[in-house]
Amino acid sequence: MFAATYLALAGAANLIWGVTSLAKKEHFAEGGLLFSNLETWGWISLAIAGVQLVTAVLLGLRWFGGTLLAMFVAVCGVLANFLMFGAYPAWSSIAIVCNALVLWAVTAHGDAFIRD
């Protein structure tokens, strides 16, 4: 449940980041992005959030494929938040830590996610 909870938190953080970047661009430093603009990163963040939230449910249900998907989604989350770091460093740092904790949980305790 640890990994599912933190993946849900990371998904919620990305969801809020994505909606806010689309609606209230003045809260972000768009010049800090490595490439593209806030609108593009907002949609990318919303897509990642959706997949993270679905994967969190799969982990909560202890579906084995959820662990593999969680590893992939967490790596994508870390990468995306690293690339968005310049726009809002504090928020990206929190999301990176949540994704890193998910990676640690599913790799160190992956056998706990297999149904008996």
C-alpha atoms as a PDB file:
ATOM      1  CA  MET A   1       0.000   0.000   0.000  1.00  0.00           C
ATOM      2  CA  PHE A   2       3.005   2.299   0.511  1.00  0.00           C
ATOM      3  CA  ALA A   3       3.842   2.341  -3.201  1.00  0.00           C
ATOM      4  CA  ALA A   4       0.202   2.729  -4.206  1.00  0.00           C
ATOM      5  CA  THR A   5      -0.245   5.644  -1.821  1.00  0.00           C
ATOM      6  CA  TYR A   6       2.864   7.468  -2.975  1.00  0.00           C
ATOM      7  CA  LEU A   7       2.059   6.825  -6.613  1.00  0.00           C
ATOM      8  CA  ALA A   8      -1.402   8.295  -6.014  1.00  0.00           C
ATOM      9  CA  LEU A   9       0.246  11.315  -4.335  1.00  0.00           C
ATOM     10  CA  ALA A  10       2.593  11.743  -7.297  1.00  0.00           C
ATOM     11  CA  GLY A  11      -0.362  11.434  -9.664  1.00  0.00           C
ATOM     12  CA  ALA A  12      -2.322  14.019  -7.703  1.00  0.00           C
ATOM     13  CA  ALA A  13       0.685  16.359  -7.702  1.00  0.00           C
ATOM     14  CA  ASN A  14       1.060  15.996 -11.468  1.00  0.00           C
ATOM     15  CA  LEU A  15      -2.676  16.500 -11.935  1.00  0.00           C
ATOM     16  CA  ILE A  16      -2.634  19.724  -9.931  1.00  0.00           C
ATOM     17  CA  TRP A  17       0.550  20.889 -11.692  1.00  0.00           C
ATOM     18  CA  GLY A  18      -0.959  20.190 -15.104  1.00  0.00           C
ATOM     19  CA  VAL A  19      -4.271  21.927 -14.426  1.00  0.00           C
ATOM     20  CA  THR A  20      -2.560  24.911 -12.821  1.00  0.00           C
ATOM     21  CA  SER A  21      -0.050  25.264 -15.644  1.00  0.00           C
ATOM     22  CA  LEU A  22      -2.907  25.331 -18.151  1.00  0.00           C
ATOM     23  CA  ALA A  23      -5.135  27.704 -16.170  1.00  0.00           C
ATOM     24  CA  LYS A  24      -2.792  29.996 -14.200  1.00  0.00           C
ATOM     25  CA  LYS A  25       0.426  30.383 -16.165  1.00  0.00           C
ATOM     26  CA  GLU A  26       1.507  33.374 -14.106  1.00  0.00           C
ATOM     27  CA  HIS A  27       2.373  31.057 -11.177  1.00  0.00           C
ATOM     28  CA  PHE A  28       5.190  29.447 -13.160  1.00  0.00           C
ATOM     29  CA  ALA A  29       8.496  30.607 -14.618  1.00  0.00           C
ATOM     30  CA  GLU A  30       8.011  29.519 -18.217  1.00  0.00           C
ATOM     31  CA  GLY A  31      11.558  30.634 -19.055  1.00  0.00           C
ATOM     32  CA  GLY A  32      12.869  27.928 -16.725  1.00  0.00           C
ATOM     33  CA  LEU A  33      11.616  25.101 -18.934  1.00  0.00           C
ATOM     34  CA  LEU A  34      14.263  23.299 -20.977  1.00  0.00           C
ATOM     35  CA  PHE A  35      12.084  23.193 -24.075  1.00  0.00           C
ATOM     36  CA  SER A  36       8.550  23.815 -25.268  1.00  0.00           C
ATOM     37  CA  ASN A  37       6.012  25.820 -23.272  1.00  0.00           C
ATOM     38  CA  LEU A  38       3.781  25.476 -20.219  1.00  0.00           C
ATOM     39  CA  GLU A  39       0.782  24.350 -22.231  1.00  0.00           C
ATOM     40  CA  THR A  40       2.665  21.382 -23.675  1.00  0.00           C
ATOM     41  CA  TRP A  41       4.079  20.420 -20.283  1.00  0.00           C
ATOM     42  CA  GLY A  42       0.660  20.862 -18.713  1.00  0.00           C
ATOM     43  CA  TRP A  43      -0.856  18.285 -21.062  1.00  0.00           C
ATOM     44  CA  ILE A  44       2.105  15.944 -20.590  1.00  0.00           C
ATOM     45  CA  SER A  45       1.694  16.273 -16.831  1.00  0.00           C
ATOM     46  CA  LEU A  46      -2.040  15.486 -17.068  1.00  0.00           C
ATOM     47  CA  ALA A  47      -1.328  12.372 -19.139  1.00  0.00           C
ATOM     48  CA  ILE A  48       1.294  11.162 -16.668  1.00  0.00           C
ATOM     49  CA  ALA A  49      -1.080  11.894 -13.774  1.00  0.00           C
ATOM     50  CA  GLY A  50      -3.839   9.803 -15.325  1.00  0.00           C
ATOM     51  CA  VAL A  51      -1.560   6.820 -15.838  1.00  0.00           C
ATOM     52  CA  GLN A  52      -0.106   7.200 -12.332  1.00  0.00           C
ATOM     53  CA  LEU A  53      -3.547   7.233 -10.722  1.00  0.00           C
ATOM     54  CA  VAL A  54      -4.681   4.147 -12.658  1.00  0.00           C
ATOM     55  CA  THR A  55      -1.422   2.377 -11.784  1.00  0.00           C
ATOM     56  CA  ALA A  56      -1.884   3.290  -8.103  1.00  0.00           C
ATOM     57  CA  VAL A  57      -5.254   1.512  -8.181  1.00  0.00           C
ATOM     58  CA  LEU A  58      -3.652  -1.533  -9.829  1.00  0.00           C
ATOM     59  CA  LEU A  59      -0.966  -1.596  -7.140  1.00  0.00           C
ATOM     60  CA  GLY A  60      -3.631  -1.297  -4.455  1.00  0.00           C
ATOM     61  CA  LEU A  61      -5.365  -4.328  -5.981  1.00  0.00           C
ATOM     62  CA  ARG A  62      -2.006  -6.156  -5.886  1.00  0.00           C
ATOM     63  CA  TRP A  63      -1.993  -6.832  -9.611  1.00  0.00           C
ATOM     64  CA  PHE A  64       1.497  -8.032 -10.598  1.00  0.00           C
ATOM     65  CA  GLY A  65       1.483  -6.104 -13.854  1.00  0.00           C
ATOM     66  CA  GLY A  66       0.950  -3.026 -11.741  1.00  0.00           C
ATOM     67  CA  THR A  67       4.449  -3.342 -10.306  1.00  0.00           C
ATOM     68  CA  LEU A  68       6.023  -3.361 -13.755  1.00  0.00           C
ATOM     69  CA  LEU A  69       3.821  -0.507 -14.871  1.00  0.00           C
ATOM     70  CA  ALA A  70       4.611   1.378 -11.645  1.00  0.00           C
ATOM     71  CA  MET A  71       8.337   1.160 -12.319  1.00  0.00           C
ATOM     72  CA  PHE A  72       7.881   2.518 -15.839  1.00  0.00           C
ATOM     73  CA  VAL A  73       5.463   5.260 -14.763  1.00  0.00           C
ATOM     74  CA  ALA A  74       7.630   6.322 -11.833  1.00  0.00           C
ATOM     75  CA  VAL A  75      10.688   6.647 -14.082  1.00  0.00           C
ATOM     76  CA  CYS A  76       8.624   8.677 -16.568  1.00  0.00           C
ATOM     77  CA  GLY A  77       7.376  10.818 -13.686  1.00  0.00           C
ATOM     78  CA  VAL A  78      10.887  11.485 -12.416  1.00  0.00           C
ATOM     79  CA  LEU A  79      12.092  12.367 -15.904  1.00  0.00           C
ATOM     80  CA  ALA A  80       9.142  14.666 -16.658  1.00  0.00           C
ATOM     81  CA  ASN A  81       9.377  16.441 -13.308  1.00  0.00           C
ATOM     82  CA  PHE A  82      13.114  16.864 -13.766  1.00  0.00           C
ATOM     83  CA  LEU A  83      12.509  18.494 -17.142  1.00  0.00           C
ATOM     84  CA  MET A  84       9.780  20.726 -15.621  1.00  0.00           C
ATOM     85  CA  PHE A  85      11.953  21.602 -12.619  1.00  0.00           C
ATOM     86  CA  GLY A  86      12.781  25.116 -13.780  1.00  0.00           C
ATOM     87  CA  ALA A  87       9.142  26.197 -13.953  1.00  0.00           C
ATOM     88  CA  TYR A  88       8.343  25.403 -10.300  1.00  0.00           C
ATOM     89  CA  PRO A  89      11.246  23.774  -8.408  1.00  0.00           C
ATOM     90  CA  ALA A  90       9.487  23.113  -5.078  1.00  0.00           C
ATOM     91  CA  TRP A  91       6.566  21.291  -6.669  1.00  0.00           C
ATOM     92  CA  SER A  92       8.793  19.259  -8.967  1.00  0.00           C
ATOM     93  CA  SER A  93      11.024  18.270  -6.037  1.00  0.00           C
ATOM     94  CA  ILE A  94       8.050  16.864  -4.122  1.00  0.00           C
ATOM     95  CA  ALA A  95       6.846  14.897  -7.154  1.00  0.00           C
ATOM     96  CA  ILE A  96      10.360  13.550  -7.823  1.00  0.00           C
ATOM     97  CA  VAL A  97      10.654  12.336  -4.217  1.00  0.00           C
ATOM     98  CA  CYS A  98       7.230  10.640  -4.395  1.00  0.00           C
ATOM     99  CA  ASN A  99       8.179   8.873  -7.628  1.00  0.00           C
ATOM    100  CA  ALA A 100      11.566   7.854  -6.216  1.00  0.00           C
ATOM    101  CA  LEU A 101       9.864   6.338  -3.160  1.00  0.00           C
ATOM    102  CA  VAL A 102       7.576   4.367  -5.477  1.00  0.00           C
ATOM    103  CA  LEU A 103      10.601   3.074  -7.391  1.00  0.00           C
ATOM    104  CA  TRP A 104      12.254   2.038  -4.147  1.00  0.00           C
ATOM    105  CA  ALA A 105       9.119   0.311  -2.846  1.00  0.00           C
ATOM    106  CA  VAL A 106       8.360  -1.710  -5.971  1.00  0.00           C
ATOM    107  CA  THR A 107      11.958  -2.772  -6.512  1.00  0.00           C
ATOM    108  CA  ALA A 108      12.843  -3.573  -2.905  1.00  0.00           C
ATOM    109  CA  HIS A 109       9.489  -5.140  -2.018  1.00  0.00           C
ATOM    110  CA  GLY A 110       8.127  -6.214  -5.410  1.00  0.00           C
ATOM    111  CA  ASP A 111       7.327  -9.715  -4.180  1.00  0.00           C
ATOM    112  CA  ALA A 112       4.778  -8.243  -1.757  1.00  0.00           C
ATOM    113  CA  PHE A 113       2.618  -7.145  -4.691  1.00  0.00           C
ATOM    114  CA  ILE A 114       2.058 -10.650  -6.027  1.00  0.00           C
ATOM    115  CA  ARG A 115      -1.275 -12.196  -5.102  1.00  0.00           C
ATOM    116  CA  ASP A 116      -1.176 -15.480  -3.277  1.00  0.00           C
END
